[in-house]
Amino acid sequence: MRSDVAREHSLRDYDSFYRAELPGVLGCLYSLTGSWPISEDLAQESFLRSYARWPEVSNLDRPGAWVRRVALNLAASRFRRLAAEARALVRLSSRTTVAAADRLDEDDERFWAAVRSLPRRQGQVVALHYGDDQSLADVAEVLGCAEGTVKAHLHSARKTLTALLLADQGAGQ
């Protein structure tokens, strides 16, 4: 009987955690992928992993940081797999596919497309800071690095994004 009560309490804790963290994780993943369905799949896989390890994850200082790190790792793995698949398709058929972005206006899509062209860590920092509204300290915790490193990545990303977006704007005129 005692274990049933503890289990029910734990499930209620997980449900609260899931509901509180899901929107931010989805926003971050969408910033990186440009696709709601893919973001939802990656988020669900991240939360499934956290649920499977909930007794351990729930004892962390910031379980949300843990699930975000899992989500970013899954997104990075997906990008690597897709890049390998694209190279194989090019070799086999000389054809490539282009994924359509949805639910964003043209300016937002240009911005997030530019973010997706950044080096992986810079893109993750931008997605967490701007897409998920995380503080620099929180981004550092999620990525497992120093806050100064996050600031350096964000600075480099801003410089690159400015150049990319100004070049894109000049080409469109």
N, C-alpha and C. Protein backbone atom coordinates (compact mmCIF):
# COMPACT_ATOMS: atom_id res chain seq x y z
N MET A 1 0.83 -1.19 0.00
CA MET A 1 0.00 0.00 0.00
C MET A 1 0.88 1.25 0.00
N ARG A 2 1.93 1.25 0.82
CA ARG A 2 2.82 2.41 0.92
C ARG A 2 3.48 2.71 -0.42
N SER A 3 3.91 1.67 -1.14
CA SER A 3 4.58 1.90 -2.42
C SER A 3 3.60 2.45 -3.47
N ASP A 4 2.32 2.08 -3.37
CA ASP A 4 1.32 2.62 -4.30
C ASP A 4 1.15 4.12 -4.10
N VAL A 5 1.16 4.56 -2.86
CA VAL A 5 1.03 5.99 -2.54
C VAL A 5 2.25 6.74 -3.05
N ALA A 6 3.43 6.18 -2.80
CA ALA A 6 4.67 6.82 -3.27
C ALA A 6 4.70 6.89 -4.79
N ARG A 7 4.26 5.82 -5.43
CA ARG A 7 4.24 5.79 -6.90
C ARG A 7 3.27 6.83 -7.46
N GLU A 8 2.09 6.94 -6.85
CA GLU A 8 1.12 7.93 -7.29
C GLU A 8 1.66 9.35 -7.12
N HIS A 9 2.33 9.61 -6.01
CA HIS A 9 2.95 10.92 -5.76
C HIS A 9 4.02 11.20 -6.81
N SER A 10 4.85 10.20 -7.11
CA SER A 10 5.90 10.34 -8.11
C SER A 10 5.32 10.63 -9.50
N LEU A 11 4.23 9.95 -9.84
CA LEU A 11 3.59 10.19 -11.14
C LEU A 11 3.01 11.60 -11.22
N ARG A 12 2.44 12.08 -10.11
CA ARG A 12 1.94 13.45 -10.09
C ARG A 12 3.08 14.45 -10.26
N ASP A 13 4.22 14.18 -9.62
CA ASP A 13 5.40 15.04 -9.77
C ASP A 13 5.85 15.05 -11.22
N TYR A 14 5.89 13.88 -11.84
CA TYR A 14 6.34 13.81 -13.23
C TYR A 14 5.37 14.56 -14.15
N ASP A 15 4.09 14.39 -13.91
CA ASP A 15 3.09 15.08 -14.73
C ASP A 15 3.26 16.59 -14.65
N SER A 16 3.49 17.11 -13.46
CA SER A 16 3.72 18.55 -13.28
C SER A 16 4.99 18.98 -14.00
N PHE A 17 6.04 18.20 -13.85
CA PHE A 17 7.31 18.47 -14.53
C PHE A 17 7.11 18.51 -16.05
N TYR A 18 6.44 17.51 -16.58
CA TYR A 18 6.21 17.41 -18.03
C TYR A 18 5.44 18.63 -18.54
N ARG A 19 4.36 18.96 -17.88
CA ARG A 19 3.53 20.09 -18.31
C ARG A 19 4.29 21.42 -18.23
N ALA A 20 5.13 21.57 -17.24
CA ALA A 20 5.88 22.83 -17.08
C ALA A 20 7.00 22.96 -18.11
N GLU A 21 7.67 21.86 -18.43
CA GLU A 21 8.86 21.91 -19.28
C GLU A 21 8.59 21.71 -20.77
N LEU A 22 7.50 21.04 -21.13
CA LEU A 22 7.25 20.72 -22.54
C LEU A 22 7.24 21.94 -23.46
N PRO A 23 6.55 23.03 -23.15
CA PRO A 23 6.53 24.16 -24.09
C PRO A 23 7.94 24.71 -24.39
N GLY A 24 8.77 24.85 -23.38
CA GLY A 24 10.12 25.36 -23.59
C GLY A 24 10.96 24.42 -24.43
N VAL A 25 10.87 23.12 -24.14
CA VAL A 25 11.64 22.13 -24.90
C VAL A 25 11.19 22.13 -26.36
N LEU A 26 9.88 22.19 -26.58
CA LEU A 26 9.37 22.24 -27.95
C LEU A 26 9.86 23.48 -28.69
N GLY A 27 9.82 24.63 -28.03
CA GLY A 27 10.28 25.87 -28.66
C GLY A 27 11.74 25.80 -29.03
N CYS A 28 12.53 25.27 -28.15
CA CYS A 28 13.96 25.13 -28.42
C CYS A 28 14.20 24.20 -29.60
N LEU A 29 13.54 23.05 -29.60
CA LEU A 29 13.72 22.09 -30.69
C LEU A 29 13.21 22.65 -32.02
N TYR A 30 12.09 23.37 -31.98
CA TYR A 30 11.58 23.96 -33.22
C TYR A 30 12.58 24.97 -33.78
N SER A 31 13.22 25.70 -32.88
CA SER A 31 14.23 26.67 -33.32
C SER A 31 15.36 25.98 -34.07
N LEU A 32 15.70 24.79 -33.65
CA LEU A 32 16.79 24.05 -34.29
C LEU A 32 16.36 23.28 -35.53
N THR A 33 15.14 22.75 -35.53
CA THR A 33 14.72 21.87 -36.63
C THR A 33 13.87 22.56 -37.68
N GLY A 34 13.10 23.58 -37.28
CA GLY A 34 12.20 24.24 -38.23
C GLY A 34 10.97 23.42 -38.56
N SER A 35 10.70 22.37 -37.78
CA SER A 35 9.56 21.50 -38.05
C SER A 35 8.87 21.14 -36.75
N TRP A 36 7.56 21.43 -36.66
CA TRP A 36 6.81 21.06 -35.45
C TRP A 36 6.74 19.55 -35.27
N PRO A 37 6.40 18.77 -36.31
CA PRO A 37 6.33 17.31 -36.09
C PRO A 37 7.65 16.71 -35.60
N ILE A 38 8.75 17.14 -36.17
CA ILE A 38 10.05 16.62 -35.74
C ILE A 38 10.34 17.07 -34.32
N SER A 39 10.04 18.33 -34.01
CA SER A 39 10.25 18.84 -32.65
C SER A 39 9.43 18.05 -31.64
N GLU A 40 8.19 17.75 -31.99
CA GLU A 40 7.34 16.98 -31.09
C GLU A 40 7.88 15.57 -30.89
N ASP A 41 8.35 14.93 -31.96
CA ASP A 41 8.94 13.59 -31.83
C ASP A 41 10.17 13.60 -30.93
N LEU A 42 11.06 14.56 -31.15
CA LEU A 42 12.28 14.65 -30.34
C LEU A 42 11.95 14.96 -28.88
N ALA A 43 10.99 15.85 -28.66
CA ALA A 43 10.59 16.19 -27.29
C ALA A 43 9.99 14.97 -26.59
N GLN A 44 9.13 14.25 -27.28
CA GLN A 44 8.52 13.07 -26.67
C GLN A 44 9.57 12.02 -26.32
N GLU A 45 10.53 11.81 -27.20
CA GLU A 45 11.61 10.86 -26.91
C GLU A 45 12.41 11.32 -25.70
N SER A 46 12.68 12.61 -25.60
CA SER A 46 13.41 13.16 -24.45
C SER A 46 12.64 12.93 -23.15
N PHE A 47 11.34 13.20 -23.20
CA PHE A 47 10.54 13.02 -22.00
C PHE A 47 10.34 11.55 -21.65
N LEU A 48 10.28 10.69 -22.65
CA LEU A 48 10.21 9.25 -22.37
C LEU A 48 11.46 8.79 -21.64
N ARG A 49 12.60 9.28 -22.06
CA ARG A 49 13.85 8.93 -21.39
C ARG A 49 13.88 9.47 -19.95
N SER A 50 13.34 10.66 -19.76
CA SER A 50 13.32 11.20 -18.40
C SER A 50 12.34 10.40 -17.53
N TYR A 51 11.24 9.96 -18.11
CA TYR A 51 10.26 9.18 -17.35
C TYR A 51 10.86 7.84 -16.94
N ALA A 52 11.60 7.21 -17.85
CA ALA A 52 12.21 5.92 -17.56
C ALA A 52 13.22 6.03 -16.42
N ARG A 53 13.81 7.20 -16.25
CA ARG A 53 14.82 7.42 -15.20
C ARG A 53 14.33 8.42 -14.16
N TRP A 54 13.01 8.56 -14.02
CA TRP A 54 12.45 9.60 -13.18
C TRP A 54 12.96 9.57 -11.74
N PRO A 55 13.10 8.42 -11.09
CA PRO A 55 13.62 8.47 -9.71
C PRO A 55 14.99 9.15 -9.64
N GLU A 56 15.82 8.94 -10.63
CA GLU A 56 17.15 9.58 -10.67
C GLU A 56 17.04 11.04 -11.11
N VAL A 57 16.30 11.29 -12.19
CA VAL A 57 16.19 12.63 -12.76
C VAL A 57 15.49 13.58 -11.79
N SER A 58 14.48 13.09 -11.08
CA SER A 58 13.73 13.96 -10.16
C SER A 58 14.59 14.45 -9.00
N ASN A 59 15.68 13.76 -8.72
CA ASN A 59 16.57 14.19 -7.63
C ASN A 59 17.62 15.18 -8.07
N LEU A 60 17.68 15.50 -9.35
CA LEU A 60 18.63 16.50 -9.84
C LEU A 60 18.17 17.89 -9.42
N ASP A 61 19.12 18.82 -9.35
CA ASP A 61 18.75 20.20 -9.01
C ASP A 61 17.81 20.79 -10.06
N ARG A 62 18.08 20.50 -11.34
CA ARG A 62 17.27 21.05 -12.44
C ARG A 62 16.93 19.94 -13.44
N PRO A 63 15.88 19.17 -13.21
CA PRO A 63 15.51 18.11 -14.15
C PRO A 63 15.21 18.64 -15.55
N GLY A 64 14.75 19.89 -15.63
CA GLY A 64 14.48 20.50 -16.93
C GLY A 64 15.75 20.65 -17.76
N ALA A 65 16.85 20.96 -17.12
CA ALA A 65 18.12 21.06 -17.83
C ALA A 65 18.53 19.70 -18.38
N TRP A 66 18.28 18.65 -17.60
CA TRP A 66 18.62 17.29 -18.04
C TRP A 66 17.83 16.93 -19.30
N VAL A 67 16.51 17.19 -19.28
CA VAL A 67 15.69 16.81 -20.44
C VAL A 67 16.05 17.66 -21.66
N ARG A 68 16.44 18.92 -21.46
CA ARG A 68 16.87 19.76 -22.58
C ARG A 68 18.17 19.24 -23.19
N ARG A 69 19.08 18.81 -22.33
CA ARG A 69 20.34 18.26 -22.85
C ARG A 69 20.07 17.01 -23.68
N VAL A 70 19.19 16.14 -23.20
CA VAL A 70 18.82 14.94 -23.95
C VAL A 70 18.20 15.36 -25.29
N ALA A 71 17.31 16.35 -25.26
CA ALA A 71 16.65 16.81 -26.49
C ALA A 71 17.67 17.36 -27.49
N LEU A 72 18.62 18.16 -27.01
CA LEU A 72 19.65 18.71 -27.90
C LEU A 72 20.53 17.61 -28.47
N ASN A 73 20.86 16.62 -27.66
CA ASN A 73 21.66 15.50 -28.15
C ASN A 73 20.90 14.70 -29.20
N LEU A 74 19.61 14.48 -28.98
CA LEU A 74 18.80 13.78 -29.97
C LEU A 74 18.71 14.57 -31.27
N ALA A 75 18.56 15.89 -31.16
CA ALA A 75 18.51 16.73 -32.37
C ALA A 75 19.83 16.68 -33.12
N ALA A 76 20.95 16.74 -32.40
CA ALA A 76 22.26 16.66 -33.04
C ALA A 76 22.44 15.32 -33.73
N SER A 77 22.02 14.24 -33.08
CA SER A 77 22.11 12.92 -33.70
C SER A 77 21.25 12.84 -34.95
N ARG A 78 20.09 13.45 -34.89
CA ARG A 78 19.20 13.46 -36.05
C ARG A 78 19.83 14.22 -37.21
N PHE A 79 20.44 15.37 -36.92
CA PHE A 79 21.10 16.15 -37.96
C PHE A 79 22.24 15.36 -38.59
N ARG A 80 23.03 14.68 -37.77
CA ARG A 80 24.13 13.87 -38.31
C ARG A 80 23.60 12.75 -39.20
N ARG A 81 22.55 12.09 -38.73
CA ARG A 81 21.96 11.00 -39.52
C ARG A 81 21.39 11.53 -40.83
N LEU A 82 20.70 12.65 -40.78
CA LEU A 82 20.14 13.23 -42.00
C LEU A 82 21.23 13.66 -42.97
N ALA A 83 22.31 14.21 -42.45
CA ALA A 83 23.43 14.62 -43.31
C ALA A 83 24.03 13.41 -44.00
N ALA A 84 24.20 12.32 -43.27
CA ALA A 84 24.74 11.10 -43.87
C ALA A 84 23.78 10.55 -44.91
N GLU A 85 22.49 10.57 -44.62
CA GLU A 85 21.49 10.11 -45.58
C GLU A 85 21.49 10.98 -46.83
N ALA A 86 21.60 12.29 -46.65
CA ALA A 86 21.61 13.20 -47.80
C ALA A 86 22.83 12.95 -48.68
N ARG A 87 23.99 12.74 -48.06
CA ARG A 87 25.19 12.44 -48.84
C ARG A 87 25.01 11.14 -49.62
N ALA A 88 24.40 10.16 -48.98
CA ALA A 88 24.16 8.88 -49.66
C ALA A 88 23.19 9.05 -50.81
N LEU A 89 22.15 9.85 -50.61
CA LEU A 89 21.18 10.09 -51.69
C LEU A 89 21.83 10.80 -52.87
N VAL A 90 22.68 11.77 -52.57
CA VAL A 90 23.36 12.50 -53.64
C VAL A 90 24.23 11.53 -54.43
N ARG A 91 24.94 10.68 -53.72
CA ARG A 91 25.79 9.70 -54.40
C ARG A 91 24.96 8.74 -55.25
N LEU A 92 23.81 8.32 -54.73
CA LEU A 92 23.02 7.32 -55.42
C LEU A 92 22.16 7.88 -56.54
N SER A 93 21.59 9.05 -56.33
CA SER A 93 20.60 9.52 -57.30
C SER A 93 20.77 10.95 -57.76
N SER A 94 21.72 11.67 -57.21
CA SER A 94 21.94 13.08 -57.55
C SER A 94 20.70 13.93 -57.28
N ARG A 95 19.89 13.52 -56.35
CA ARG A 95 18.70 14.29 -55.97
C ARG A 95 18.78 14.63 -54.49
N THR A 96 18.28 15.82 -54.15
CA THR A 96 18.17 16.21 -52.74
C THR A 96 16.74 16.65 -52.48
N THR A 97 16.35 16.60 -51.24
CA THR A 97 15.02 17.06 -50.86
C THR A 97 15.17 18.28 -49.96
N VAL A 98 14.17 19.12 -50.01
CA VAL A 98 14.16 20.32 -49.19
C VAL A 98 12.96 20.24 -48.26
N ALA A 99 13.20 20.39 -46.98
CA ALA A 99 12.11 20.37 -46.01
C ALA A 99 11.43 21.72 -45.97
N ALA A 100 10.12 21.72 -45.97
CA ALA A 100 9.36 22.97 -45.89
C ALA A 100 9.15 23.35 -44.43
N ALA A 101 9.38 24.60 -44.11
CA ALA A 101 9.13 25.11 -42.76
C ALA A 101 7.69 25.60 -42.70
N ASP A 102 7.08 25.42 -41.52
CA ASP A 102 5.70 25.84 -41.38
C ASP A 102 5.51 26.66 -40.12
N ARG A 103 4.38 27.39 -40.06
CA ARG A 103 3.95 28.16 -38.89
C ARG A 103 4.80 29.38 -38.56
N LEU A 104 5.62 29.86 -39.45
CA LEU A 104 6.40 31.06 -39.18
C LEU A 104 6.21 32.04 -40.32
N ASP A 105 6.26 33.34 -40.02
CA ASP A 105 6.22 34.29 -41.11
C ASP A 105 7.60 34.30 -41.78
N GLU A 106 7.69 34.97 -42.91
CA GLU A 106 8.90 34.92 -43.74
C GLU A 106 10.15 35.43 -43.00
N ASP A 107 10.03 36.52 -42.26
CA ASP A 107 11.19 37.05 -41.52
C ASP A 107 11.66 36.08 -40.45
N ASP A 108 10.71 35.50 -39.69
CA ASP A 108 11.08 34.52 -38.68
C ASP A 108 11.75 33.32 -39.32
N GLU A 109 11.20 32.85 -40.41
CA GLU A 109 11.78 31.68 -41.08
C GLU A 109 13.18 31.96 -41.58
N ARG A 110 13.41 33.15 -42.13
CA ARG A 110 14.77 33.51 -42.57
C ARG A 110 15.73 33.52 -41.39
N PHE A 111 15.29 34.07 -40.27
CA PHE A 111 16.13 34.11 -39.08
C PHE A 111 16.47 32.70 -38.60
N TRP A 112 15.45 31.85 -38.42
CA TRP A 112 15.71 30.51 -37.89
C TRP A 112 16.44 29.64 -38.90
N ALA A 113 16.25 29.89 -40.19
CA ALA A 113 17.05 29.17 -41.19
C ALA A 113 18.51 29.57 -41.05
N ALA A 114 18.75 30.85 -40.80
CA ALA A 114 20.14 31.29 -40.58
C ALA A 114 20.70 30.67 -39.30
N VAL A 115 19.89 30.56 -38.26
CA VAL A 115 20.34 29.91 -37.02
C VAL A 115 20.72 28.46 -37.29
N ARG A 116 19.91 27.78 -38.11
CA ARG A 116 20.21 26.37 -38.41
C ARG A 116 21.48 26.22 -39.23
N SER A 117 21.96 27.30 -39.85
CA SER A 117 23.20 27.22 -40.62
C SER A 117 24.44 27.47 -39.75
N LEU A 118 24.23 27.90 -38.51
CA LEU A 118 25.34 28.16 -37.60
C LEU A 118 26.01 26.84 -37.18
N PRO A 119 27.24 26.93 -36.69
CA PRO A 119 27.84 25.74 -36.07
C PRO A 119 26.91 25.21 -34.97
N ARG A 120 26.93 23.91 -34.75
CA ARG A 120 25.98 23.23 -33.86
C ARG A 120 25.85 23.91 -32.50
N ARG A 121 26.93 24.16 -31.80
CA ARG A 121 26.86 24.71 -30.45
C ARG A 121 26.30 26.12 -30.46
N GLN A 122 26.68 26.94 -31.45
CA GLN A 122 26.13 28.29 -31.54
C GLN A 122 24.63 28.24 -31.78
N GLY A 123 24.18 27.35 -32.65
CA GLY A 123 22.75 27.20 -32.91
C GLY A 123 22.00 26.77 -31.66
N GLN A 124 22.60 25.86 -30.88
CA GLN A 124 21.96 25.42 -29.64
C GLN A 124 21.84 26.57 -28.65
N VAL A 125 22.89 27.37 -28.53
CA VAL A 125 22.87 28.51 -27.61
C VAL A 125 21.77 29.49 -28.01
N VAL A 126 21.68 29.82 -29.29
CA VAL A 126 20.65 30.75 -29.77
C VAL A 126 19.26 30.17 -29.54
N ALA A 127 19.08 28.89 -29.84
CA ALA A 127 17.76 28.26 -29.67
C ALA A 127 17.34 28.25 -28.20
N LEU A 128 18.27 27.93 -27.31
CA LEU A 128 17.93 27.92 -25.89
C LEU A 128 17.67 29.33 -25.35
N HIS A 129 18.52 30.28 -25.75
CA HIS A 129 18.40 31.64 -25.21
C HIS A 129 17.20 32.39 -25.80
N TYR A 130 17.04 32.34 -27.10
CA TYR A 130 15.96 33.10 -27.74
C TYR A 130 14.70 32.26 -27.98
N GLY A 131 14.87 31.01 -28.39
CA GLY A 131 13.71 30.17 -28.68
C GLY A 131 13.03 29.66 -27.42
N ASP A 132 13.82 29.38 -26.38
CA ASP A 132 13.28 28.82 -25.14
C ASP A 132 13.33 29.82 -23.99
N ASP A 133 13.84 31.02 -24.24
CA ASP A 133 13.88 32.11 -23.26
C ASP A 133 14.64 31.71 -21.99
N GLN A 134 15.75 31.00 -22.16
CA GLN A 134 16.58 30.57 -21.05
C GLN A 134 17.63 31.66 -20.75
N SER A 135 17.95 31.84 -19.49
CA SER A 135 19.02 32.78 -19.13
C SER A 135 20.35 32.18 -19.56
N LEU A 136 21.40 33.02 -19.60
CA LEU A 136 22.72 32.52 -19.97
C LEU A 136 23.21 31.46 -18.99
N ALA A 137 22.92 31.65 -17.72
CA ALA A 137 23.32 30.66 -16.71
C ALA A 137 22.59 29.34 -16.94
N ASP A 138 21.31 29.42 -17.28
CA ASP A 138 20.54 28.21 -17.55
C ASP A 138 21.05 27.50 -18.80
N VAL A 139 21.38 28.26 -19.83
CA VAL A 139 21.93 27.68 -21.05
C VAL A 139 23.24 26.96 -20.73
N ALA A 140 24.07 27.59 -19.93
CA ALA A 140 25.35 26.97 -19.54
C ALA A 140 25.11 25.66 -18.81
N GLU A 141 24.12 25.64 -17.94
CA GLU A 141 23.83 24.41 -17.20
C GLU A 141 23.33 23.32 -18.13
N VAL A 142 22.42 23.67 -19.05
CA VAL A 142 21.89 22.68 -19.99
C VAL A 142 23.01 22.09 -20.84
N LEU A 143 23.89 22.95 -21.31
CA LEU A 143 24.95 22.49 -22.22
C LEU A 143 26.18 21.96 -21.49
N GLY A 144 26.21 22.14 -20.18
CA GLY A 144 27.33 21.62 -19.41
C GLY A 144 28.63 22.35 -19.67
N CYS A 145 28.54 23.68 -19.77
CA CYS A 145 29.74 24.48 -20.01
C CYS A 145 29.68 25.74 -19.15
N ALA A 146 30.74 26.52 -19.20
CA ALA A 146 30.79 27.76 -18.42
C ALA A 146 29.91 28.83 -19.05
N GLU A 147 29.42 29.74 -18.21
CA GLU A 147 28.60 30.84 -18.72
C GLU A 147 29.39 31.71 -19.69
N GLY A 148 30.68 31.88 -19.45
CA GLY A 148 31.52 32.64 -20.38
C GLY A 148 31.59 31.99 -21.75
N THR A 149 31.58 30.68 -21.78
CA THR A 149 31.57 29.95 -23.06
C THR A 149 30.26 30.21 -23.81
N VAL A 150 29.17 30.22 -23.06
CA VAL A 150 27.86 30.52 -23.67
C VAL A 150 27.87 31.93 -24.25
N LYS A 151 28.42 32.88 -23.49
CA LYS A 151 28.49 34.27 -23.97
C LYS A 151 29.33 34.36 -25.24
N ALA A 152 30.44 33.63 -25.28
CA ALA A 152 31.29 33.65 -26.47
C ALA A 152 30.56 33.07 -27.68
N HIS A 153 29.85 31.95 -27.48
CA HIS A 153 29.08 31.35 -28.58
C HIS A 153 27.97 32.29 -29.04
N LEU A 154 27.30 32.93 -28.09
CA LEU A 154 26.22 33.85 -28.43
C LEU A 154 26.76 35.05 -29.19
N HIS A 155 27.90 35.58 -28.78
CA HIS A 155 28.53 36.70 -29.47
C HIS A 155 28.88 36.32 -30.91
N SER A 156 29.52 35.18 -31.07
CA SER A 156 29.88 34.72 -32.42
C SER A 156 28.64 34.49 -33.28
N ALA A 157 27.62 33.89 -32.67
CA ALA A 157 26.38 33.62 -33.41
C ALA A 157 25.73 34.93 -33.85
N ARG A 158 25.68 35.92 -32.99
CA ARG A 158 25.07 37.21 -33.34
C ARG A 158 25.81 37.87 -34.50
N LYS A 159 27.16 37.82 -34.45
CA LYS A 159 27.94 38.42 -35.54
C LYS A 159 27.65 37.70 -36.86
N THR A 160 27.64 36.39 -36.83
CA THR A 160 27.38 35.61 -38.04
C THR A 160 25.97 35.84 -38.54
N LEU A 161 25.00 35.83 -37.63
CA LEU A 161 23.60 36.05 -38.03
C LEU A 161 23.40 37.44 -38.63
N THR A 162 24.04 38.44 -38.04
CA THR A 162 23.93 39.80 -38.59
C THR A 162 24.45 39.83 -40.02
N ALA A 163 25.62 39.24 -40.25
CA ALA A 163 26.20 39.21 -41.59
C ALA A 163 25.30 38.44 -42.56
N LEU A 164 24.81 37.29 -42.12
CA LEU A 164 23.95 36.47 -43.00
C LEU A 164 22.65 37.18 -43.35
N LEU A 165 22.02 37.77 -42.35
CA LEU A 165 20.73 38.41 -42.59
C LEU A 165 20.86 39.70 -43.39
N LEU A 166 21.95 40.46 -43.15
CA LEU A 166 22.17 41.66 -43.97
C LEU A 166 22.48 41.28 -45.41
N ALA A 167 23.27 40.23 -45.61
CA ALA A 167 23.57 39.77 -46.97
C ALA A 167 22.30 39.29 -47.66
N ASP A 168 21.46 38.57 -46.91
CA ASP A 168 20.20 38.07 -47.46
C ASP A 168 19.26 39.23 -47.81
N GLN A 169 19.24 40.24 -46.94
CA GLN A 169 18.40 41.41 -47.18
C GLN A 169 18.88 42.19 -48.40
N GLY A 170 20.21 42.34 -48.55
CA GLY A 170 20.77 43.03 -49.71
C GLY A 170 20.51 42.28 -51.00
N ALA A 171 20.51 40.97 -50.95
CA ALA A 171 20.26 40.16 -52.15
C ALA A 171 18.81 40.24 -52.56
N GLY A 172 17.91 40.46 -51.59
CA GLY A 172 16.48 40.51 -51.88
C GLY A 172 16.03 41.83 -52.45
N GLN A 173 16.87 42.86 -52.38
CA GLN A 173 16.44 44.18 -52.85
C GLN A 173 16.78 44.39 -54.30
